[in-house]
Each structure stands twice: as structure tokens, then as C-alpha cells.
Protein backbone atom coordinates (compact mmCIF):
# COMPACT_ATOMS: atom_id res chain seq x y z
CA UNK A 1 69.88 52.63 51.83
CA UNK A 2 69.11 49.07 50.74
CA UNK A 3 68.91 46.02 53.01
CA UNK A 4 72.53 44.97 52.42
CA UNK A 5 73.89 48.45 53.07
CA UNK A 6 71.82 48.76 56.23
CA UNK A 7 73.07 45.40 57.50
CA UNK A 8 76.67 46.44 56.88
CA UNK A 9 76.22 49.73 58.72
CA UNK A 10 74.39 48.51 61.81
CA UNK A 11 76.48 45.36 62.23
CA UNK A 12 79.72 47.30 61.84
CA UNK A 13 78.45 49.92 64.26
CA UNK A 14 77.46 47.28 66.82
CA UNK A 15 81.04 45.97 66.73
CA UNK A 16 82.13 49.40 68.02
CA UNK A 17 79.42 49.32 70.69
CA UNK A 18 80.65 45.86 71.72
CA UNK A 19 84.22 47.15 72.02
CA UNK A 20 83.14 50.15 74.06
CA UNK A 21 81.10 47.91 76.38
CA UNK A 22 83.99 45.50 76.94
CA UNK A 23 86.34 48.38 77.79
CA UNK A 24 83.84 49.91 80.21
CA UNK A 25 83.39 46.57 81.98
CA UNK A 26 86.96 45.27 82.01
CA UNK A 27 88.91 48.52 82.17
CA UNK A 28 91.27 50.66 80.14
CA UNK A 29 93.90 47.92 80.09
CA UNK A 30 91.84 46.08 77.48
CA UNK A 31 93.62 45.95 74.13
CA UNK A 32 91.14 46.02 71.24
CA UNK A 33 92.17 44.76 67.83
CA UNK A 34 89.66 44.50 64.95
CA UNK A 35 85.88 44.19 64.74
CA UNK A 36 84.41 43.48 61.30
CA UNK A 37 80.83 42.68 60.39
CA UNK A 38 80.08 39.12 59.20
CA UNK A 39 77.10 37.40 57.57
CA UNK A 40 74.92 37.13 60.67
CA UNK A 41 76.43 39.81 62.89
CA UNK A 42 79.94 40.87 63.82
CA UNK A 43 82.84 40.04 66.11
CA UNK A 44 85.61 41.86 67.90
CA UNK A 45 89.02 40.59 69.02
CA UNK A 46 90.36 41.60 72.42
CA UNK A 47 93.28 41.05 74.74
CA UNK A 48 91.49 41.05 78.12
CA UNK A 49 93.10 40.42 81.53
CA UNK A 50 90.43 37.81 82.38
CA UNK A 51 88.68 35.04 80.45
CA UNK A 52 85.23 36.00 79.23
CA UNK A 53 82.75 33.20 79.96
CA UNK A 54 79.18 32.51 78.91
CA UNK A 55 77.86 33.74 82.24
CA UNK A 56 79.41 37.13 81.42
CA UNK A 57 77.39 37.55 78.22
CA UNK A 58 74.30 39.18 79.82
CA UNK A 59 76.42 41.85 81.52
CA UNK A 60 78.08 42.75 78.22
CA UNK A 61 74.75 42.81 76.37
CA UNK A 62 73.22 45.02 79.06
CA UNK A 63 76.18 47.41 78.92
CA UNK A 64 75.71 47.63 75.14
CA UNK A 65 72.06 48.56 75.67
CA UNK A 66 73.09 51.19 78.18
CA UNK A 67 75.57 52.69 75.71
CA UNK A 68 73.03 52.74 72.88
CA UNK A 69 70.49 54.51 75.11
CA UNK A 70 72.98 57.36 75.63
CA UNK A 71 72.16 58.39 72.05
CA UNK A 72 75.74 59.46 71.40
CA UNK A 73 76.84 61.08 68.16
CA UNK A 74 79.30 59.25 65.92
CA UNK A 75 81.88 61.63 64.48
CA UNK A 76 84.18 60.69 61.62
CA UNK A 77 87.54 62.44 61.40
CA UNK A 78 90.51 62.13 59.10
CA UNK A 79 93.82 62.34 60.93
CA UNK A 80 97.51 62.22 60.12
CA UNK A 81 99.62 59.18 60.88
CA UNK A 82 101.22 61.05 63.79
CA UNK A 83 97.83 62.05 65.20
CA UNK A 84 96.56 58.48 64.89
CA UNK A 85 99.60 57.06 66.67
CA UNK A 86 99.10 59.56 69.47
CA UNK A 87 95.39 58.75 69.78
CA UNK A 88 96.08 55.03 70.05
CA UNK A 89 99.24 55.20 72.14
CA UNK A 90 99.22 52.16 74.41
CA UNK A 91 97.00 50.19 72.02
CA UNK A 92 99.53 47.93 70.36
CA UNK A 93 97.24 46.35 67.77
CA UNK A 94 95.93 49.69 66.55
CA UNK A 95 99.49 51.06 66.52
CA UNK A 96 100.65 48.15 64.36
CA UNK A 97 97.77 48.63 61.93
CA UNK A 98 98.53 52.34 61.61
CA UNK A 99 102.24 51.74 61.07
CA UNK A 100 101.46 49.20 58.34
CA UNK A 101 99.31 51.62 56.34
CA UNK A 102 100.96 52.77 53.10
CA UNK A 103 102.14 56.34 52.76
CA UNK A 104 99.37 58.63 51.61
CA UNK A 105 96.60 56.35 52.89
CA UNK A 106 93.61 58.22 54.32
CA UNK A 107 93.41 57.43 58.04
CA UNK A 108 89.93 57.83 59.48
CA UNK A 109 88.68 57.43 63.02
CA UNK A 110 85.21 57.34 64.55
CA UNK A 111 84.43 58.86 67.90
CA UNK A 112 81.45 57.33 69.71
CA UNK A 113 80.62 59.86 72.38
CA UNK A 114 83.49 61.66 74.05
CA UNK A 115 85.18 58.60 75.57
CA UNK A 116 85.66 56.04 72.80
CA UNK A 117 87.50 56.21 69.50
CA UNK A 118 88.22 53.51 66.95
CA UNK A 119 90.35 53.27 63.84
CA UNK A 120 87.92 52.56 61.02
CA UNK A 121 87.00 53.28 57.42
CA UNK A 122 83.28 53.07 58.21
CA UNK A 123 80.54 53.57 57.28
CA UNK A 124 78.64 53.88 60.55
CA UNK A 125 75.48 55.32 62.01
CA UNK A 126 75.34 59.04 62.76
CA UNK A 127 73.95 58.51 66.26
CA UNK A 128 73.56 55.48 68.51
CA UNK A 129 69.79 55.98 68.59
CA UNK A 130 69.71 54.46 65.08
CA UNK A 131 70.56 51.13 66.76
CA UNK A 132 67.70 51.25 69.26
CA UNK A 133 65.53 48.73 67.39
CA UNK A 134 68.36 46.47 66.23
CA UNK A 135 68.35 43.08 67.98
CA UNK A 136 71.59 41.40 69.00
CA UNK A 137 72.85 38.55 71.16
CA UNK A 138 76.34 37.33 71.99
CA UNK A 139 76.83 34.04 70.18
CA UNK A 140 80.10 32.80 71.65
CA UNK A 141 83.65 33.60 72.62
CA UNK A 142 86.62 31.78 71.13
CA UNK A 143 90.37 32.05 70.81
CA UNK A 144 91.98 33.79 67.84
CA UNK A 145 95.60 34.61 67.06
CA UNK A 146 96.44 38.16 66.10
CA UNK A 147 96.56 38.25 62.32
CA UNK A 148 96.09 34.48 62.27
CA UNK A 149 99.67 33.89 63.42
CA UNK A 150 100.06 31.32 66.19
CA UNK A 151 103.31 32.99 67.23
CA UNK A 152 101.47 36.24 67.96
CA UNK A 153 99.11 37.22 70.78
CA UNK A 154 96.23 34.88 71.60
CA UNK A 155 93.08 37.00 71.68
CA UNK A 156 89.49 36.47 72.78
CA UNK A 157 87.04 36.81 69.90
CA UNK A 158 83.51 37.72 70.93
CA UNK A 159 80.89 36.91 68.30
CA UNK A 160 77.60 38.78 68.13
CA UNK A 161 74.42 37.90 66.27
CA UNK A 162 72.81 41.09 64.92
CA UNK A 163 69.54 41.54 63.02
CA UNK A 164 67.26 44.47 62.18
CA UNK A 165 64.63 43.53 64.77
CA UNK A 166 63.73 40.99 67.46
CA UNK A 167 61.62 38.85 65.14
CA UNK A 168 64.48 38.46 62.65
CA UNK A 169 66.90 37.51 65.45
CA UNK A 170 64.40 35.05 66.91
CA UNK A 171 63.90 33.42 63.52
CA UNK A 172 67.65 33.11 62.99
CA UNK A 173 68.16 31.54 66.42
CA UNK A 174 65.36 29.09 65.64
CA UNK A 175 67.06 28.08 62.39
CA UNK A 176 70.36 27.61 64.22
CA UNK A 177 68.70 25.40 66.85
CA UNK A 178 66.97 23.29 64.19
CA UNK A 179 70.27 22.83 62.36
CA UNK A 180 71.96 21.69 65.57
CA UNK A 181 69.18 19.20 66.25
CA UNK A 182 69.50 17.78 62.72
CA UNK A 183 73.24 17.39 63.23
CA UNK A 184 72.66 15.58 66.54
CA UNK A 185 70.17 13.20 64.93
CA UNK A 186 72.56 12.53 62.07
CA UNK A 187 75.41 11.88 64.49
CA UNK A 188 73.18 9.62 66.57
CA UNK A 189 72.29 7.56 63.52
CA UNK A 190 75.96 7.22 62.62
CA UNK A 191 76.86 6.10 66.13
CA UNK A 192 74.18 3.40 66.05
CA UNK A 193 76.07 1.74 63.21
CA UNK A 194 78.86 0.96 65.67
CA UNK A 195 76.65 -0.40 68.45
CA UNK A 196 76.28 -4.13 69.08
CA UNK A 197 73.09 -5.96 69.91
CA UNK A 198 73.96 -7.70 73.15
CA UNK A 199 71.10 -10.16 72.73
CA UNK A 200 72.34 -11.40 69.37
CA UNK A 201 73.47 -15.08 69.12
CA UNK A 202 77.12 -15.65 69.78
CA UNK A 203 77.52 -12.62 72.00
CA UNK A 204 79.26 -13.30 75.35
CA UNK A 205 77.15 -12.99 78.50
């Protein structure tokens, strides 16, 4: 498995761990939508009965660590449309995705342990222990409309940084901080163009 394939697998798998953690913390009433990997990690969209705030991030991260340490098997299964709809009964976003699949489409699910299942093509790890050394950190939470439609449900999107080890994550966070500082300096320089020198001749006292 090359570097790019590994990144796709562990980031995609961490999205499932994130979803499982959120459900364990906030309860079975959580509606979970989609959770793809992205360039520097992954995200997952949720309909949660409360607003997730920055002070909640450590609890979610700790729950993710707890889940990973359970060393649960990941089992891929192919199911019929009827089986999938039954599995995700009560999960309206998953139900909609299943109903929108074309006839004859292979429908695959992944079970993480005995208490969490997600609709997904994969690929994923075979066991959560493969994620033990992966480093991650919640980046932010923002609003997102279901399927990008402002007339649909407003969801909470939780972003996660994810890298193969702590050093790689630390280096990425350093680069992000340096970029923010450069932006602040640039903005500060632009703002100075609009400031007046109050000691200049002709200025009112």
C-alpha cells in the first residue's frame, strides 16, 4: 500500500470512528449523513440535538481514542436494498442515499464492532488497532446544508485533521499557524494604509 492509499484508508476509517464517537456521546437520536476523507483529514456531517462547541472537542477526541483501543474488527458486507433500508431505519440521510442508488448497484456496509454500522464503499482498515499510531485532532465545526441545498436540513460538520503520526500532525499544525500569522501581518499592513497620522499638519486637534 503506497502513501496515498494509506492516507485514503486511515482518514476514511477515522471518519467512521468520529461518527461512532459522536453517537456514543450524544445518543442514538443523532442522525449521521456522510463522512469523506479530504486532503488533510476527513469530516462528518451530523444532525445533533445540541450545538457542538470547541470545548467539546477533547471529549470527542478522547472517545475516539477509547473506541480505537477496543481493537474492533471492521467487517464489510454486501446487502440488498431492502436489508440496507432495514439496517438504517430511522436514519433519514442514509435512507435517502440508499433510495437514490440505481437499480443493480452494489450496496456495501461496514460494521465497526457489534454496535456501529455505516453505509460505505470503503476501503477501510481490517481492525481498529491499525489506527493506533495515527494522529488526529478536531479542526473545527461548521454549518453545512444537506446535499448543499439551503432548503434542506442544516447539519453540523465536524472537521478532523489526520496524519500518519504525531510528528506529521505537529508539522502540519505548525504550517497552519505560520500561514495564519502571515495572513494577519498582511491584513495589518493593509489596514495601516487607511490610518491617519494625527500629528500631521492640518489635522484637527
